[in-house]
Each structure stands twice: as structure tokens, then as C-alpha cells.
């Protein structure tokens, strides 16, 4: 599953979260979050965890 990179970056900035802090809040590794941030795909569960914390529609629709 892909995350919209622009929406993801905007949500991180809006919530004033670092990758490290987002990892702590979601239980997703920093490596995975950094990969998602650069456009790599992730599992549906990871995408849901990130979207739940960021409170934004960050999942790309095909």
C-alpha cells in the first residue's frame, strides 16, 4: 500500500511530529516510516496505524 508523500509530510508538519516521535506513537519502526516518507510501499496495517495517529487521509487511492 502506498502513502501519499505530500499528504504524509504535511500531516507530520501539522502535527509537529518527528519520525522518531511518530514511531513511538504508532509502534512502527523509524526505518519503515522513513521508507514510507520517501515513497516506498508499506503494509495495510502500517498505513492504518500511521493514518490513525496523523489524523489525515494519507493513503493513496489508485
PDB file of N, CA and C in Angstrom:
ATOM      1  N   UNK A   1       0.848  -1.159   0.000  1.00  0.00           N
ATOM      2  CA  UNK A   1       0.000   0.000   0.000  1.00  0.00           C
ATOM      3  C   UNK A   1       0.901   1.232   0.000  1.00  0.00           C
ATOM      4  N   UNK A   2       0.516   2.234  -0.743  1.00  0.00           N
ATOM      5  CA  UNK A   2       1.324   3.452  -0.829  1.00  0.00           C
ATOM      6  C   UNK A   2       0.673   4.583  -0.033  1.00  0.00           C
ATOM      7  N   UNK A   3       1.544   5.396   0.541  1.00  0.00           N
ATOM      8  CA  UNK A   3       1.139   6.588   1.279  1.00  0.00           C
ATOM      9  C   UNK A   3       1.425   7.793   0.389  1.00  0.00           C
ATOM     10  N   UNK A   4       0.521   8.746   0.352  1.00  0.00           N
ATOM     11  CA  UNK A   4       0.727   9.982  -0.403  1.00  0.00           C
ATOM     12  C   UNK A   4       1.836  10.766   0.299  1.00  0.00           C
ATOM     13  N   UNK A   5       2.995  10.868  -0.354  1.00  0.00           N
ATOM     14  CA  UNK A   5       4.163  11.522   0.270  1.00  0.00           C
ATOM     15  C   UNK A   5       3.899  12.958   0.668  1.00  0.00           C
ATOM     16  N   UNK A   6       3.212  13.700  -0.162  1.00  0.00           N
ATOM     17  CA  UNK A   6       2.943  15.109   0.129  1.00  0.00           C
ATOM     18  C   UNK A   6       2.000  15.238   1.328  1.00  0.00           C
ATOM     19  N   UNK A   7       0.934  14.444   1.321  1.00  0.00           N
ATOM     20  CA  UNK A   7      -0.014  14.474   2.443  1.00  0.00           C
ATOM     21  C   UNK A   7       0.659  14.004   3.733  1.00  0.00           C
ATOM     22  N   UNK A   8       1.538  13.010   3.624  1.00  0.00           N
ATOM     23  CA  UNK A   8       2.255  12.492   4.785  1.00  0.00           C
ATOM     24  C   UNK A   8       3.157  13.572   5.386  1.00  0.00           C
ATOM     25  N   UNK A   9       3.938  14.232   4.535  1.00  0.00           N
ATOM     26  CA  UNK A   9       4.834  15.296   5.007  1.00  0.00           C
ATOM     27  C   UNK A   9       4.043  16.444   5.612  1.00  0.00           C
ATOM     28  N   UNK A  10       2.928  16.805   4.988  1.00  0.00           N
ATOM     29  CA  UNK A  10       2.095  17.895   5.508  1.00  0.00           C
ATOM     30  C   UNK A  10       1.508  17.526   6.874  1.00  0.00           C
ATOM     31  N   UNK A  11       1.071  16.286   7.012  1.00  0.00           N
ATOM     32  CA  UNK A  11       0.499  15.830   8.281  1.00  0.00           C
ATOM     33  C   UNK A  11       1.555  15.804   9.381  1.00  0.00           C
ATOM     34  N   UNK A  12       2.767  15.360   9.050  1.00  0.00           N
ATOM     35  CA  UNK A  12       3.851  15.380  10.034  1.00  0.00           C
ATOM     36  C   UNK A  12       4.126  16.803  10.504  1.00  0.00           C
ATOM     37  N   UNK A  13       4.181  17.740   9.571  1.00  0.00           N
ATOM     38  CA  UNK A  13       4.436  19.132   9.922  1.00  0.00           C
ATOM     39  C   UNK A  13       3.286  19.712  10.734  1.00  0.00           C
ATOM     40  N   UNK A  14       2.072  19.435  10.314  1.00  0.00           N
ATOM     41  CA  UNK A  14       0.888  19.960  11.005  1.00  0.00           C
ATOM     42  C   UNK A  14       0.822  19.464  12.450  1.00  0.00           C
ATOM     43  N   UNK A  15       1.151  18.184  12.638  1.00  0.00           N
ATOM     44  CA  UNK A  15       1.126  17.593  13.979  1.00  0.00           C
ATOM     45  C   UNK A  15       2.416  17.849  14.752  1.00  0.00           C
ATOM     46  N   UNK A  16       3.395  18.489  14.098  1.00  0.00           N
ATOM     47  CA  UNK A  16       4.694  18.796  14.697  1.00  0.00           C
ATOM     48  C   UNK A  16       5.353  17.529  15.257  1.00  0.00           C
ATOM     49  N   UNK A  17       5.396  16.486  14.404  1.00  0.00           N
ATOM     50  CA  UNK A  17       5.968  15.209  14.801  1.00  0.00           C
ATOM     51  C   UNK A  17       7.240  14.917  14.018  1.00  0.00           C
ATOM     52  N   UNK A  18       8.218  14.378  14.695  1.00  0.00           N
ATOM     53  CA  UNK A  18       9.411  13.862  14.030  1.00  0.00           C
ATOM     54  C   UNK A  18       9.153  12.400  13.681  1.00  0.00           C
ATOM     55  N   UNK A  19      10.017  11.843  12.858  1.00  0.00           N
ATOM     56  CA  UNK A  19       9.904  10.430  12.520  1.00  0.00           C
ATOM     57  C   UNK A  19      10.040   9.595  13.793  1.00  0.00           C
ATOM     58  N   UNK A  20      10.962   9.969  14.653  1.00  0.00           N
ATOM     59  CA  UNK A  20      11.176   9.235  15.906  1.00  0.00           C
ATOM     60  C   UNK A  20       9.919   9.244  16.771  1.00  0.00           C
ATOM     61  N   UNK A  21       9.310  10.403  16.925  1.00  0.00           N
ATOM     62  CA  UNK A  21       8.111  10.521  17.766  1.00  0.00           C
ATOM     63  C   UNK A  21       6.935   9.763  17.142  1.00  0.00           C
ATOM     64  N   UNK A  22       6.787   9.838  15.820  1.00  0.00           N
ATOM     65  CA  UNK A  22       5.727   9.099  15.143  1.00  0.00           C
ATOM     66  C   UNK A  22       5.929   7.598  15.345  1.00  0.00           C
ATOM     67  N   UNK A  23       7.177   7.148  15.291  1.00  0.00           N
ATOM     68  CA  UNK A  23       7.481   5.730  15.520  1.00  0.00           C
ATOM     69  C   UNK A  23       7.054   5.319  16.928  1.00  0.00           C
ATOM     70  N   UNK A  24       7.334   6.161  17.901  1.00  0.00           N
ATOM     71  CA  UNK A  24       6.946   5.865  19.276  1.00  0.00           C
ATOM     72  C   UNK A  24       5.429   5.779  19.426  1.00  0.00           C
ATOM     73  N   UNK A  25       4.723   6.680  18.775  1.00  0.00           N
ATOM     74  CA  UNK A  25       3.266   6.727  18.908  1.00  0.00           C
ATOM     75  C   UNK A  25       2.558   5.598  18.157  1.00  0.00           C
ATOM     76  N   UNK A  26       3.157   5.126  17.071  1.00  0.00           N
ATOM     77  CA  UNK A  26       2.491   4.119  16.241  1.00  0.00           C
ATOM     78  C   UNK A  26       2.984   2.700  16.483  1.00  0.00           C
ATOM     79  N   UNK A  27       4.191   2.560  17.009  1.00  0.00           N
ATOM     80  CA  UNK A  27       4.773   1.237  17.143  1.00  0.00           C
ATOM     81  C   UNK A  27       5.364   0.733  15.839  1.00  0.00           C
ATOM     82  N   UNK A  28       5.502   1.623  14.870  1.00  0.00           N
ATOM     83  CA  UNK A  28       6.104   1.304  13.574  1.00  0.00           C
ATOM     84  C   UNK A  28       7.564   1.759  13.639  1.00  0.00           C
ATOM     85  N   UNK A  29       8.472   0.989  13.089  1.00  0.00           N
ATOM     86  CA  UNK A  29       9.891   1.339  13.181  1.00  0.00           C
ATOM     87  C   UNK A  29      10.215   2.632  12.433  1.00  0.00           C
ATOM     88  N   UNK A  30      11.266   3.302  12.898  1.00  0.00           N
ATOM     89  CA  UNK A  30      11.724   4.526  12.237  1.00  0.00           C
ATOM     90  C   UNK A  30      12.162   4.234  10.813  1.00  0.00           C
ATOM     91  N   UNK A  31      12.770   3.084  10.603  1.00  0.00           N
ATOM     92  CA  UNK A  31      13.218   2.701   9.261  1.00  0.00           C
ATOM     93  C   UNK A  31      12.026   2.601   8.314  1.00  0.00           C
ATOM     94  N   UNK A  32      10.957   1.966   8.772  1.00  0.00           N
ATOM     95  CA  UNK A  32       9.757   1.827   7.949  1.00  0.00           C
ATOM     96  C   UNK A  32       9.140   3.186   7.663  1.00  0.00           C
ATOM     97  N   UNK A  33       9.048   4.040   8.678  1.00  0.00           N
ATOM     98  CA  UNK A  33       8.462   5.367   8.482  1.00  0.00           C
ATOM     99  C   UNK A  33       9.308   6.177   7.510  1.00  0.00           C
ATOM    100  N   UNK A  34      10.618   6.109   7.635  1.00  0.00           N
ATOM    101  CA  UNK A  34      11.491   6.824   6.702  1.00  0.00           C
ATOM    102  C   UNK A  34      11.322   6.313   5.279  1.00  0.00           C
ATOM    103  N   UNK A  35      11.158   5.004   5.130  1.00  0.00           N
ATOM    104  CA  UNK A  35      10.940   4.432   3.798  1.00  0.00           C
ATOM    105  C   UNK A  35       9.619   4.915   3.214  1.00  0.00           C
ATOM    106  N   UNK A  36       8.576   4.926   4.034  1.00  0.00           N
ATOM    107  CA  UNK A  36       7.260   5.401   3.585  1.00  0.00           C
ATOM    108  C   UNK A  36       7.357   6.876   3.180  1.00  0.00           C
ATOM    109  N   UNK A  37       8.094   7.631   3.954  1.00  0.00           N
ATOM    110  CA  UNK A  37       8.245   9.065   3.690  1.00  0.00           C
ATOM    111  C   UNK A  37       8.914   9.325   2.340  1.00  0.00           C
ATOM    112  N   UNK A  38       9.755   8.392   1.896  1.00  0.00           N
ATOM    113  CA  UNK A  38      10.429   8.554   0.609  1.00  0.00           C
ATOM    114  C   UNK A  38       9.695   7.896  -0.545  1.00  0.00           C
ATOM    115  N   UNK A  39       8.497   7.350  -0.274  1.00  0.00           N
ATOM    116  CA  UNK A  39       7.674   6.824  -1.351  1.00  0.00           C
ATOM    117  C   UNK A  39       7.601   5.320  -1.460  1.00  0.00           C
ATOM    118  N   UNK A  40       8.221   4.594  -0.546  1.00  0.00           N
ATOM    119  CA  UNK A  40       8.137   3.137  -0.571  1.00  0.00           C
ATOM    120  C   UNK A  40       6.759   2.683  -0.104  1.00  0.00           C
ATOM    121  N   UNK A  41       6.371   1.502  -0.526  1.00  0.00           N
ATOM    122  CA  UNK A  41       5.070   0.982  -0.102  1.00  0.00           C
ATOM    123  C   UNK A  41       5.189   0.356   1.286  1.00  0.00           C
ATOM    124  N   UNK A  42       4.047   0.120   1.912  1.00  0.00           N
ATOM    125  CA  UNK A  42       4.014  -0.483   3.241  1.00  0.00           C
ATOM    126  C   UNK A  42       2.779  -1.380   3.340  1.00  0.00           C
ATOM    127  N   UNK A  43       2.689  -2.112   4.427  1.00  0.00           N
ATOM    128  CA  UNK A  43       1.530  -2.984   4.615  1.00  0.00           C
ATOM    129  C   UNK A  43       0.292  -2.143   4.915  1.00  0.00           C
ATOM    130  N   UNK A  44      -0.862  -2.733   4.722  1.00  0.00           N
ATOM    131  CA  UNK A  44      -2.119  -2.036   5.016  1.00  0.00           C
ATOM    132  C   UNK A  44      -2.205  -1.705   6.503  1.00  0.00           C
ATOM    133  N   UNK A  45      -1.711  -2.601   7.355  1.00  0.00           N
ATOM    134  CA  UNK A  45      -1.750  -2.350   8.799  1.00  0.00           C
ATOM    135  C   UNK A  45      -0.879  -1.153   9.169  1.00  0.00           C
ATOM    136  N   UNK A  46       0.306  -1.056   8.584  1.00  0.00           N
ATOM    137  CA  UNK A  46       1.185   0.087   8.838  1.00  0.00           C
ATOM    138  C   UNK A  46       0.519   1.377   8.373  1.00  0.00           C
ATOM    139  N   UNK A  47      -0.075   1.351   7.201  1.00  0.00           N
ATOM    140  CA  UNK A  47      -0.756   2.540   6.677  1.00  0.00           C
ATOM    141  C   UNK A  47      -1.884   2.977   7.609  1.00  0.00           C
ATOM    142  N   UNK A  48      -2.648   2.011   8.125  1.00  0.00           N
ATOM    143  CA  UNK A  48      -3.732   2.351   9.062  1.00  0.00           C
ATOM    144  C   UNK A  48      -3.189   2.954  10.353  1.00  0.00           C
ATOM    145  N   UNK A  49      -2.096   2.403  10.879  1.00  0.00           N
ATOM    146  CA  UNK A  49      -1.501   2.939  12.103  1.00  0.00           C
ATOM    147  C   UNK A  49      -1.038   4.373  11.904  1.00  0.00           C
ATOM    148  N   UNK A  50      -0.375   4.629  10.788  1.00  0.00           N
ATOM    149  CA  UNK A  50       0.112   5.980  10.512  1.00  0.00           C
ATOM    150  C   UNK A  50      -1.050   6.955  10.333  1.00  0.00           C
ATOM    151  N   UNK A  51      -2.053   6.545   9.582  1.00  0.00           N
ATOM    152  CA  UNK A  51      -3.216   7.410   9.351  1.00  0.00           C
ATOM    153  C   UNK A  51      -3.966   7.686  10.649  1.00  0.00           C
ATOM    154  N   UNK A  52      -4.047   6.708  11.531  1.00  0.00           N
ATOM    155  CA  UNK A  52      -4.760   6.895  12.799  1.00  0.00           C
ATOM    156  C   UNK A  52      -4.092   7.965  13.658  1.00  0.00           C
ATOM    157  N   UNK A  53      -2.773   7.954  13.706  1.00  0.00           N
ATOM    158  CA  UNK A  53      -2.046   8.924  14.533  1.00  0.00           C
ATOM    159  C   UNK A  53      -2.025  10.299  13.875  1.00  0.00           C
ATOM    160  N   UNK A  54      -1.841  10.330  12.559  1.00  0.00           N
ATOM    161  CA  UNK A  54      -1.735  11.609  11.875  1.00  0.00           C
ATOM    162  C   UNK A  54      -3.093  12.267  11.658  1.00  0.00           C
ATOM    163  N   UNK A  55      -4.150  11.489  11.809  1.00  0.00           N
ATOM    164  CA  UNK A  55      -5.480  12.055  11.658  1.00  0.00           C
ATOM    165  C   UNK A  55      -5.721  12.646  10.290  1.00  0.00           C
ATOM    166  N   UNK A  56      -5.156  12.030   9.287  1.00  0.00           N
ATOM    167  CA  UNK A  56      -5.285  12.571   7.934  1.00  0.00           C
ATOM    168  C   UNK A  56      -5.489  11.439   6.942  1.00  0.00           C
ATOM    169  N   UNK A  57      -6.069  11.773   5.808  1.00  0.00           N
ATOM    170  CA  UNK A  57      -6.231  10.790   4.745  1.00  0.00           C
ATOM    171  C   UNK A  57      -4.946  10.781   3.939  1.00  0.00           C
ATOM    172  N   UNK A  58      -4.010   9.945   4.353  1.00  0.00           N
ATOM    173  CA  UNK A  58      -2.693   9.925   3.717  1.00  0.00           C
ATOM    174  C   UNK A  58      -2.504   8.735   2.786  1.00  0.00           C
ATOM    175  N   UNK A  59      -3.465   7.823   2.766  1.00  0.00           N
ATOM    176  CA  UNK A  59      -3.351   6.626   1.937  1.00  0.00           C
ATOM    177  C   UNK A  59      -3.707   6.972   0.497  1.00  0.00           C
ATOM    178  N   UNK A  60      -2.807   6.639  -0.424  1.00  0.00           N
ATOM    179  CA  UNK A  60      -3.047   6.917  -1.851  1.00  0.00           C
ATOM    180  C   UNK A  60      -4.169   6.044  -2.362  1.00  0.00           C
ATOM    181  N   UNK A  61      -5.024   6.634  -3.157  1.00  0.00           N
ATOM    182  CA  UNK A  61      -6.100   5.895  -3.820  1.00  0.00           C
ATOM    183  C   UNK A  61      -5.671   5.634  -5.252  1.00  0.00           C
ATOM    184  N   UNK A  62      -5.825   4.402  -5.712  1.00  0.00           N
ATOM    185  CA  UNK A  62      -5.409   4.077  -7.084  1.00  0.00           C
ATOM    186  C   UNK A  62      -6.498   4.378  -8.063  1.00  0.00           C
TER     187      UNK A  62
END
